Amino acid sequence: MIRYLFLMFCCLGGQAYGQSYTNEVRHRAVFWTELNYVYKTSGKWSFQLDHQYRRQADDNGRDIQVFRHPLLQVFRPWVNYQLSKPVRVSLSPIGLWWNWGKVNQYQPITFFQEIRIIPQLQITKPLKKGEFIQRYRAEFRWPSHTDTLATSYIFLSDGESQEVLADRFNVRLRGMARWINPFQEQWYTHLSVEPMVVISPSVTHFDQNRTYLAIGRSIRKNLRVELGYLNQFAIQRMPNDQLRTYRFNHAIHVFVYLENVRKH
């Protein structure tokens, strides 16, 4: 199934463009954190809240100060239902995203907000001593217009017009293959690959792939932490400038998973 997913993404990304673009390759150092809190009921339902926060270095390929500028902040709730032992369906009814970026080193930081609704299917199967996970996700996204911030941004108090439900709706399809493999008591490795496709009124194309390698430890039965390297390859197009950027974000990634302790 994963092979067919990759083939579909490659076909969608192979669409031809009549315009002539100048290609550019850029590298950037970033820092990602993710906190997941899961509340499991005694039945098949569970509820989850994840929070992501990212920071970035200067967008010149040489800066390694990953805490220099803000990059992203996310609050995303989930409702999960375990259909069977391997199959789980989930819905994030509304996710709130705040995104910061830099077009180039001569311009100030830009900012936009986004609302996302996300249905998800996850299939987990045993593989050797660990588990192999397939995840399929569709993101229905409503981004605001991009602002150029002349002064420092104050979270949730920027005073800008929040045109989130603008005519910029698009859909992102994401497929992920993940292998979690224990190698010692309480320790494990995590390897995942996640290609993505964006579908918008103007164009459909492969725009991003994430490859993640981490080492994790189960602190307790309901708590685990990971430290890893995430490579985010993204393709960005600027039609007005006839510029296509192939971007590689090199991320230090810290992940924390916390689950409620249920009394039987």
C-alpha atoms as a PDB file:
ATOM      1  CA  MET A   1       0.000   0.000   0.000  1.00  0.00           C
ATOM      2  CA  ILE A   2       2.860   2.382   0.787  1.00  0.00           C
ATOM      3  CA  ARG A   3       4.337   1.772  -2.679  1.00  0.00           C
ATOM      4  CA  TYR A   4       1.081   2.807  -4.337  1.00  0.00           C
ATOM      5  CA  LEU A   5       0.945   5.931  -2.179  1.00  0.00           C
ATOM      6  CA  PHE A   6       4.434   6.972  -3.239  1.00  0.00           C
ATOM      7  CA  LEU A   7       3.581   6.301  -6.889  1.00  0.00           C
ATOM      8  CA  MET A   8       0.458   8.475  -6.622  1.00  0.00           C
ATOM      9  CA  PHE A   9       2.452  11.314  -5.090  1.00  0.00           C
ATOM     10  CA  CYS A  10       5.094  11.117  -7.800  1.00  0.00           C
ATOM     11  CA  CYS A  11       2.447  11.236 -10.530  1.00  0.00           C
ATOM     12  CA  LEU A  12       0.747  14.233  -8.963  1.00  0.00           C
ATOM     13  CA  GLY A  13       4.066  15.963  -8.570  1.00  0.00           C
ATOM     14  CA  GLY A  14       5.007  15.362 -12.185  1.00  0.00           C
ATOM     15  CA  GLN A  15       2.661  18.006 -13.575  1.00  0.00           C
ATOM     16  CA  ALA A  16       4.352  20.168 -16.239  1.00  0.00           C
ATOM     17  CA  TYR A  17       4.593  23.937 -15.943  1.00  0.00           C
ATOM     18  CA  GLY A  18       4.630  26.260 -18.935  1.00  0.00           C
ATOM     19  CA  GLN A  19       6.548  28.973 -17.124  1.00  0.00           C
ATOM     20  CA  SER A  20      10.338  29.029 -16.983  1.00  0.00           C
ATOM     21  CA  TYR A  21      11.591  29.090 -13.382  1.00  0.00           C
ATOM     22  CA  THR A  22      14.998  29.813 -11.914  1.00  0.00           C
ATOM     23  CA  ASN A  23      15.980  27.070  -9.481  1.00  0.00           C
ATOM     24  CA  GLU A  24      17.602  27.716  -6.099  1.00  0.00           C
ATOM     25  CA  VAL A  25      18.750  25.344  -3.340  1.00  0.00           C
ATOM     26  CA  ARG A  26      18.718  26.571   0.272  1.00  0.00           C
ATOM     27  CA  HIS A  27      19.603  24.978   3.625  1.00  0.00           C
ATOM     28  CA  ARG A  28      18.382  26.102   7.050  1.00  0.00           C
ATOM     29  CA  ALA A  29      18.959  24.888  10.621  1.00  0.00           C
ATOM     30  CA  VAL A  30      15.819  24.645  12.772  1.00  0.00           C
ATOM     31  CA  PHE A  31      14.654  23.339  16.160  1.00  0.00           C
ATOM     32  CA  TRP A  32      11.350  21.441  16.594  1.00  0.00           C
ATOM     33  CA  THR A  33       9.533  20.385  19.742  1.00  0.00           C
ATOM     34  CA  GLU A  34       6.334  18.366  20.032  1.00  0.00           C
ATOM     35  CA  LEU A  35       4.351  17.503  23.158  1.00  0.00           C
ATOM     36  CA  ASN A  36       1.558  14.907  22.956  1.00  0.00           C
ATOM     37  CA  TYR A  37      -0.864  14.326  25.809  1.00  0.00           C
ATOM     38  CA  VAL A  38      -3.269  11.384  25.374  1.00  0.00           C
ATOM     39  CA  TYR A  39      -6.260  10.574  27.581  1.00  0.00           C
ATOM     40  CA  LYS A  40      -7.418   6.969  27.080  1.00  0.00           C
ATOM     41  CA  THR A  41     -10.817   5.794  28.233  1.00  0.00           C
ATOM     42  CA  SER A  42     -11.648   2.261  29.341  1.00  0.00           C
ATOM     43  CA  GLY A  43     -13.310   1.678  25.947  1.00  0.00           C
ATOM     44  CA  LYS A  44     -12.167   2.307  22.387  1.00  0.00           C
ATOM     45  CA  TRP A  45     -12.128   6.101  22.581  1.00  0.00           C
ATOM     46  CA  SER A  46      -9.170   8.333  23.378  1.00  0.00           C
ATOM     47  CA  PHE A  47      -8.587  12.081  23.316  1.00  0.00           C
ATOM     48  CA  GLN A  48      -5.356  13.823  22.459  1.00  0.00           C
ATOM     49  CA  LEU A  49      -3.819  17.281  22.412  1.00  0.00           C
ATOM     50  CA  ASP A  50      -0.540  18.001  20.702  1.00  0.00           C
ATOM     51  CA  HIS A  51       1.456  21.205  20.846  1.00  0.00           C
ATOM     52  CA  GLN A  52       4.309  21.995  18.465  1.00  0.00           C
ATOM     53  CA  TYR A  53       6.786  24.833  18.698  1.00  0.00           C
ATOM     54  CA  ARG A  54       9.604  25.490  16.222  1.00  0.00           C
ATOM     55  CA  ARG A  55      12.375  28.052  15.870  1.00  0.00           C
ATOM     56  CA  GLN A  56      14.801  28.749  13.044  1.00  0.00           C
ATOM     57  CA  ALA A  57      18.229  30.123  12.213  1.00  0.00           C
ATOM     58  CA  ASP A  58      18.842  32.797   9.589  1.00  0.00           C
ATOM     59  CA  ASP A  59      17.860  31.635   6.112  1.00  0.00           C
ATOM     60  CA  ASN A  60      21.353  31.729   4.616  1.00  0.00           C
ATOM     61  CA  GLY A  61      22.611  28.156   5.006  1.00  0.00           C
ATOM     62  CA  ARG A  62      25.473  29.181   7.315  1.00  0.00           C
ATOM     63  CA  ASP A  63      23.754  30.176  10.563  1.00  0.00           C
ATOM     64  CA  ILE A  64      23.443  27.374  13.148  1.00  0.00           C
ATOM     65  CA  GLN A  65      21.740  29.407  15.887  1.00  0.00           C
ATOM     66  CA  VAL A  66      18.469  27.460  15.686  1.00  0.00           C
ATOM     67  CA  PHE A  67      16.755  29.585  18.372  1.00  0.00           C
ATOM     68  CA  ARG A  68      17.250  32.907  16.555  1.00  0.00           C
ATOM     69  CA  HIS A  69      13.735  33.391  15.049  1.00  0.00           C
ATOM     70  CA  PRO A  70      10.270  31.879  15.629  1.00  0.00           C
ATOM     71  CA  LEU A  71       9.055  29.430  12.969  1.00  0.00           C
ATOM     72  CA  LEU A  72       5.787  27.769  14.010  1.00  0.00           C
ATOM     73  CA  GLN A  73       3.333  27.267  16.890  1.00  0.00           C
ATOM     74  CA  VAL A  74       0.506  24.696  16.787  1.00  0.00           C
ATOM     75  CA  PHE A  75      -2.326  23.626  19.092  1.00  0.00           C
ATOM     76  CA  ARG A  76      -4.201  20.599  17.747  1.00  0.00           C
ATOM     77  CA  PRO A  77      -6.816  18.435  19.549  1.00  0.00           C
ATOM     78  CA  TRP A  78      -7.726  14.906  18.406  1.00  0.00           C
ATOM     79  CA  VAL A  79     -10.560  12.431  18.918  1.00  0.00           C
ATOM     80  CA  ASN A  80      -9.474   8.811  18.321  1.00  0.00           C
ATOM     81  CA  TYR A  81     -11.463   5.586  17.937  1.00  0.00           C
ATOM     82  CA  GLN A  82      -9.857   2.118  17.882  1.00  0.00           C
ATOM     83  CA  LEU A  83     -11.761   0.195  15.197  1.00  0.00           C
ATOM     84  CA  SER A  84      -9.719  -2.954  15.796  1.00  0.00           C
ATOM     85  CA  LYS A  85      -6.400  -3.842  17.370  1.00  0.00           C
ATOM     86  CA  PRO A  86      -4.354  -2.612  14.346  1.00  0.00           C
ATOM     87  CA  VAL A  87      -6.690   0.097  12.965  1.00  0.00           C
ATOM     88  CA  ARG A  88      -7.408   3.508  14.485  1.00  0.00           C
ATOM     89  CA  VAL A  89      -9.347   6.421  12.989  1.00  0.00           C
ATOM     90  CA  SER A  90      -8.902   9.986  14.233  1.00  0.00           C
ATOM     91  CA  LEU A  91     -10.244  13.466  13.681  1.00  0.00           C
ATOM     92  CA  SER A  92      -8.736  16.800  14.592  1.00  0.00           C
ATOM     93  CA  PRO A  93     -11.868  19.008  14.466  1.00  0.00           C
ATOM     94  CA  ILE A  94      -9.873  22.236  14.451  1.00  0.00           C
ATOM     95  CA  GLY A  95      -6.160  22.984  14.651  1.00  0.00           C
ATOM     96  CA  LEU A  96      -4.676  26.450  15.140  1.00  0.00           C
ATOM     97  CA  TRP A  97      -1.393  27.271  13.380  1.00  0.00           C
ATOM     98  CA  TRP A  98       0.864  30.336  13.572  1.00  0.00           C
ATOM     99  CA  ASN A  99       3.647  30.438  10.956  1.00  0.00           C
ATOM    100  CA  TRP A 100       6.683  32.710  10.687  1.00  0.00           C
ATOM    101  CA  GLY A 101       9.082  32.839   7.742  1.00  0.00           C
ATOM    102  CA  LYS A 102      11.786  34.783   5.955  1.00  0.00           C
ATOM    103  CA  VAL A 103      11.606  35.358   2.193  1.00  0.00           C
ATOM    104  CA  ASN A 104      15.265  36.438   2.092  1.00  0.00           C
ATOM    105  CA  GLN A 105      17.914  37.965   4.344  1.00  0.00           C
ATOM    106  CA  TYR A 106      17.015  41.528   3.293  1.00  0.00           C
ATOM    107  CA  GLN A 107      13.341  41.413   4.303  1.00  0.00           C
ATOM    108  CA  PRO A 108      11.688  41.234   7.746  1.00  0.00           C
ATOM    109  CA  ILE A 109       9.991  38.138   9.118  1.00  0.00           C
ATOM    110  CA  THR A 110       6.622  37.312   7.558  1.00  0.00           C
ATOM    111  CA  PHE A 111       3.659  35.814   9.373  1.00  0.00           C
ATOM    112  CA  PHE A 112       0.384  34.032   8.604  1.00  0.00           C
ATOM    113  CA  GLN A 113      -2.225  32.061  10.531  1.00  0.00           C
ATOM    114  CA  GLU A 114      -4.030  28.902   9.548  1.00  0.00           C
ATOM    115  CA  ILE A 115      -6.969  26.699  10.539  1.00  0.00           C
ATOM    116  CA  ARG A 116      -6.832  22.978   9.715  1.00  0.00           C
ATOM    117  CA  ILE A 117      -9.360  20.129   9.968  1.00  0.00           C
ATOM    118  CA  ILE A 118      -7.693  16.704   9.744  1.00  0.00           C
ATOM    119  CA  PRO A 119      -9.141  13.181   9.362  1.00  0.00           C
ATOM    120  CA  GLN A 120      -6.636  10.354   9.786  1.00  0.00           C
ATOM    121  CA  LEU A 121      -6.316   6.574   9.411  1.00  0.00           C
ATOM    122  CA  GLN A 122      -3.546   4.642  11.165  1.00  0.00           C
ATOM    123  CA  ILE A 123      -2.657   0.950  10.776  1.00  0.00           C
ATOM    124  CA  THR A 124      -0.179  -0.648  13.198  1.00  0.00           C
ATOM    125  CA  LYS A 125       1.351  -4.078  12.645  1.00  0.00           C
ATOM    126  CA  PRO A 126       4.161  -5.971  14.413  1.00  0.00           C
ATOM    127  CA  LEU A 127       7.563  -5.996  12.700  1.00  0.00           C
ATOM    128  CA  LYS A 128      10.343  -8.053  14.248  1.00  0.00           C
ATOM    129  CA  LYS A 129      10.521  -6.864  17.881  1.00  0.00           C
ATOM    130  CA  GLY A 130       8.851  -3.546  17.138  1.00  0.00           C
ATOM    131  CA  GLU A 131       5.979  -2.191  15.100  1.00  0.00           C
ATOM    132  CA  PHE A 132       5.410  -0.830  11.610  1.00  0.00           C
ATOM    133  CA  ILE A 133       2.907   2.015  11.299  1.00  0.00           C
ATOM    134  CA  GLN A 134       1.143   3.308   8.200  1.00  0.00           C
ATOM    135  CA  ARG A 135      -0.609   6.650   8.557  1.00  0.00           C
ATOM    136  CA  TYR A 136      -2.817   8.408   6.004  1.00  0.00           C
ATOM    137  CA  ARG A 137      -3.927  11.966   6.644  1.00  0.00           C
ATOM    138  CA  ALA A 138      -5.826  14.678   4.768  1.00  0.00           C
ATOM    139  CA  GLU A 139      -5.479  18.288   5.919  1.00  0.00           C
ATOM    140  CA  PHE A 140      -8.205  20.763   4.965  1.00  0.00           C
ATOM    141  CA  ARG A 141      -6.493  24.128   5.380  1.00  0.00           C
ATOM    142  CA  TRP A 142      -7.649  27.739   5.477  1.00  0.00           C
ATOM    143  CA  PRO A 143      -4.585  30.050   5.655  1.00  0.00           C
ATOM    144  CA  SER A 144      -4.748  33.787   6.208  1.00  0.00           C
ATOM    145  CA  HIS A 145      -2.960  36.323   4.031  1.00  0.00           C
ATOM    146  CA  THR A 146       0.744  36.758   4.732  1.00  0.00           C
ATOM    147  CA  ASP A 147       1.767  39.856   6.671  1.00  0.00           C
ATOM    148  CA  THR A 148       5.195  41.434   6.824  1.00  0.00           C
ATOM    149  CA  LEU A 149       5.852  42.311  10.431  1.00  0.00           C
ATOM    150  CA  ALA A 150       7.796  45.534  10.880  1.00  0.00           C
ATOM    151  CA  THR A 151       8.032  45.015  14.647  1.00  0.00           C
ATOM    152  CA  SER A 152       8.353  42.009  16.937  1.00  0.00           C
ATOM    153  CA  TYR A 153       5.289  39.791  16.993  1.00  0.00           C
ATOM    154  CA  ILE A 154       3.492  39.282  20.321  1.00  0.00           C
ATOM    155  CA  PHE A 155       1.762  35.891  20.389  1.00  0.00           C
ATOM    156  CA  LEU A 156      -2.055  36.197  20.150  1.00  0.00           C
ATOM    157  CA  SER A 157      -1.802  40.001  20.261  1.00  0.00           C
ATOM    158  CA  ASP A 158      -0.529  41.126  16.865  1.00  0.00           C
ATOM    159  CA  GLY A 159      -3.484  43.415  16.126  1.00  0.00           C
ATOM    160  CA  GLU A 160      -3.572  42.347  12.488  1.00  0.00           C
ATOM    161  CA  SER A 161      -6.732  41.444  10.583  1.00  0.00           C
ATOM    162  CA  GLN A 162      -7.315  37.710  10.994  1.00  0.00           C
ATOM    163  CA  GLU A 163      -8.667  36.786   7.566  1.00  0.00           C
ATOM    164  CA  VAL A 164      -8.330  33.077   8.215  1.00  0.00           C
ATOM    165  CA  LEU A 165     -11.375  31.965   6.223  1.00  0.00           C
ATOM    166  CA  ALA A 166     -10.116  33.622   3.053  1.00  0.00           C
ATOM    167  CA  ASP A 167     -10.387  32.276  -0.492  1.00  0.00           C
ATOM    168  CA  ARG A 168      -7.122  30.357  -0.091  1.00  0.00           C
ATOM    169  CA  PHE A 169      -8.512  26.921   0.801  1.00  0.00           C
ATOM    170  CA  ASN A 170      -6.347  23.932  -0.124  1.00  0.00           C
ATOM    171  CA  VAL A 171      -5.912  20.283   0.827  1.00  0.00           C
ATOM    172  CA  ARG A 172      -2.720  18.482   1.760  1.00  0.00           C
ATOM    173  CA  LEU A 173      -2.506  14.674   1.504  1.00  0.00           C
ATOM    174  CA  ARG A 174       0.081  13.003   3.718  1.00  0.00           C
ATOM    175  CA  GLY A 175       1.220   9.398   3.910  1.00  0.00           C
ATOM    176  CA  MET A 176       3.690   8.139   6.463  1.00  0.00           C
ATOM    177  CA  ALA A 177       5.617   4.900   7.023  1.00  0.00           C
ATOM    178  CA  ARG A 178       7.102   4.554  10.526  1.00  0.00           C
ATOM    179  CA  TRP A 179       9.186   1.780  12.114  1.00  0.00           C
ATOM    180  CA  ILE A 180       9.673   1.750  15.876  1.00  0.00           C
ATOM    181  CA  ASN A 181      12.224  -0.866  16.934  1.00  0.00           C
ATOM    182  CA  PRO A 182      13.257  -1.651  20.565  1.00  0.00           C
ATOM    183  CA  PHE A 183      16.945  -2.500  20.960  1.00  0.00           C
ATOM    184  CA  GLN A 184      17.383  -2.537  24.753  1.00  0.00           C
ATOM    185  CA  GLU A 185      15.120  -2.461  27.755  1.00  0.00           C
ATOM    186  CA  GLN A 186      13.226   0.875  27.612  1.00  0.00           C
ATOM    187  CA  TRP A 187      15.205   2.106  24.554  1.00  0.00           C
ATOM    188  CA  TYR A 188      14.063   2.157  20.906  1.00  0.00           C
ATOM    189  CA  THR A 189      14.822   3.651  17.500  1.00  0.00           C
ATOM    190  CA  HIS A 190      12.305   5.525  15.357  1.00  0.00           C
ATOM    191  CA  LEU A 191      12.570   5.820  11.566  1.00  0.00           C
ATOM    192  CA  SER A 192       9.867   7.428   9.424  1.00  0.00           C
ATOM    193  CA  VAL A 193       9.319   8.781   5.914  1.00  0.00           C
ATOM    194  CA  GLU A 194       6.407  11.127   5.120  1.00  0.00           C
ATOM    195  CA  PRO A 195       5.711  12.471   1.584  1.00  0.00           C
ATOM    196  CA  MET A 196       3.071  15.189   1.049  1.00  0.00           C
ATOM    197  CA  VAL A 197       0.966  16.546  -1.820  1.00  0.00           C
ATOM    198  CA  VAL A 198      -0.876  19.891  -1.957  1.00  0.00           C
ATOM    199  CA  ILE A 199      -4.129  20.206  -3.901  1.00  0.00           C
ATOM    200  CA  SER A 200      -5.292  23.778  -4.556  1.00  0.00           C
ATOM    201  CA  PRO A 201      -7.582  25.433  -7.140  1.00  0.00           C
ATOM    202  CA  SER A 202      -4.567  26.471  -9.223  1.00  0.00           C
ATOM    203  CA  VAL A 203      -2.202  23.499  -9.030  1.00  0.00           C
ATOM    204  CA  THR A 204      -1.617  20.024  -7.583  1.00  0.00           C
ATOM    205  CA  HIS A 205       1.938  19.068  -6.748  1.00  0.00           C
ATOM    206  CA  PHE A 206       4.291  17.171  -4.467  1.00  0.00           C
ATOM    207  CA  ASP A 207       5.663  19.883  -2.196  1.00  0.00           C
ATOM    208  CA  GLN A 208       7.366  18.234   0.764  1.00  0.00           C
ATOM    209  CA  ASN A 209       8.969  15.119   2.231  1.00  0.00           C
ATOM    210  CA  ARG A 210      10.095  14.484   5.794  1.00  0.00           C
ATOM    211  CA  THR A 211      12.633  11.866   6.850  1.00  0.00           C
ATOM    212  CA  TYR A 212      13.071  11.337  10.583  1.00  0.00           C
ATOM    213  CA  LEU A 213      15.568   9.277  12.585  1.00  0.00           C
ATOM    214  CA  ALA A 214      15.504   9.319  16.391  1.00  0.00           C
ATOM    215  CA  ILE A 215      16.394   7.452  19.530  1.00  0.00           C
ATOM    216  CA  GLY A 216      13.777   7.217  22.273  1.00  0.00           C
ATOM    217  CA  ARG A 217      13.400   6.011  25.838  1.00  0.00           C
ATOM    218  CA  SER A 218      10.354   4.914  27.789  1.00  0.00           C
ATOM    219  CA  ILE A 219      10.747   6.711  31.117  1.00  0.00           C
ATOM    220  CA  ARG A 220       7.626   5.061  32.498  1.00  0.00           C
ATOM    221  CA  LYS A 221       4.850   2.990  30.975  1.00  0.00           C
ATOM    222  CA  ASN A 222       2.894   6.151  30.165  1.00  0.00           C
ATOM    223  CA  LEU A 223       5.801   8.493  29.355  1.00  0.00           C
ATOM    224  CA  ARG A 224       8.419   8.443  26.610  1.00  0.00           C
ATOM    225  CA  VAL A 225      10.823  10.977  25.094  1.00  0.00           C
ATOM    226  CA  GLU A 226      12.701  11.116  21.790  1.00  0.00           C
ATOM    227  CA  LEU A 227      15.651  13.058  20.423  1.00  0.00           C
ATOM    228  CA  GLY A 228      16.272  12.926  16.710  1.00  0.00           C
ATOM    229  CA  TYR A 229      17.196  14.485  13.383  1.00  0.00           C
ATOM    230  CA  LEU A 230      14.462  15.471  10.935  1.00  0.00           C
ATOM    231  CA  ASN A 231      15.197  16.389   7.331  1.00  0.00           C
ATOM    232  CA  GLN A 232      12.398  18.385   5.721  1.00  0.00           C
ATOM    233  CA  PHE A 233      12.680  18.707   1.942  1.00  0.00           C
ATOM    234  CA  ALA A 234      10.245  21.263   0.522  1.00  0.00           C
ATOM    235  CA  ILE A 235       9.627  22.794  -2.903  1.00  0.00           C
ATOM    236  CA  GLN A 236       8.465  26.408  -2.866  1.00  0.00           C
ATOM    237  CA  ARG A 237       7.365  28.355  -5.943  1.00  0.00           C
ATOM    238  CA  MET A 238       7.196  32.135  -6.334  1.00  0.00           C
ATOM    239  CA  PRO A 239       5.399  32.768  -9.658  1.00  0.00           C
ATOM    240  CA  ASN A 240       5.864  36.547  -9.510  1.00  0.00           C
ATOM    241  CA  ASP A 241       9.650  36.158  -9.261  1.00  0.00           C
ATOM    242  CA  GLN A 242       9.787  33.070 -11.534  1.00  0.00           C
ATOM    243  CA  LEU A 243      11.693  31.349  -8.716  1.00  0.00           C
ATOM    244  CA  ARG A 244      11.558  27.727  -7.573  1.00  0.00           C
ATOM    245  CA  THR A 245      13.319  27.005  -4.265  1.00  0.00           C
ATOM    246  CA  TYR A 246      14.396  23.523  -3.179  1.00  0.00           C
ATOM    247  CA  ARG A 247      14.661  23.871   0.574  1.00  0.00           C
ATOM    248  CA  PHE A 248      16.315  21.527   3.069  1.00  0.00           C
ATOM    249  CA  ASN A 249      15.477  22.181   6.715  1.00  0.00           C
ATOM    250  CA  HIS A 250      17.809  20.334   9.105  1.00  0.00           C
ATOM    251  CA  ALA A 251      15.983  19.990  12.415  1.00  0.00           C
ATOM    252  CA  ILE A 252      16.910  18.915  15.913  1.00  0.00           C
ATOM    253  CA  HIS A 253      13.661  17.308  17.060  1.00  0.00           C
ATOM    254  CA  VAL A 254      12.519  16.760  20.668  1.00  0.00           C
ATOM    255  CA  PHE A 255       9.341  14.709  21.207  1.00  0.00           C
ATOM    256  CA  VAL A 256       7.478  14.004  24.469  1.00  0.00           C
ATOM    257  CA  TYR A 257       4.513  11.607  24.783  1.00  0.00           C
ATOM    258  CA  LEU A 258       2.452  11.530  27.983  1.00  0.00           C
ATOM    259  CA  GLU A 259      -0.564   9.288  28.608  1.00  0.00           C
ATOM    260  CA  ASN A 260      -2.984   9.178  31.513  1.00  0.00           C
ATOM    261  CA  VAL A 261      -2.616   6.370  34.040  1.00  0.00           C
ATOM    262  CA  ARG A 262      -5.882   4.410  34.106  1.00  0.00           C
ATOM    263  CA  LYS A 263      -6.917   2.459  37.184  1.00  0.00           C
ATOM    264  CA  HIS A 264      -8.281  -0.975  36.335  1.00  0.00           C
END
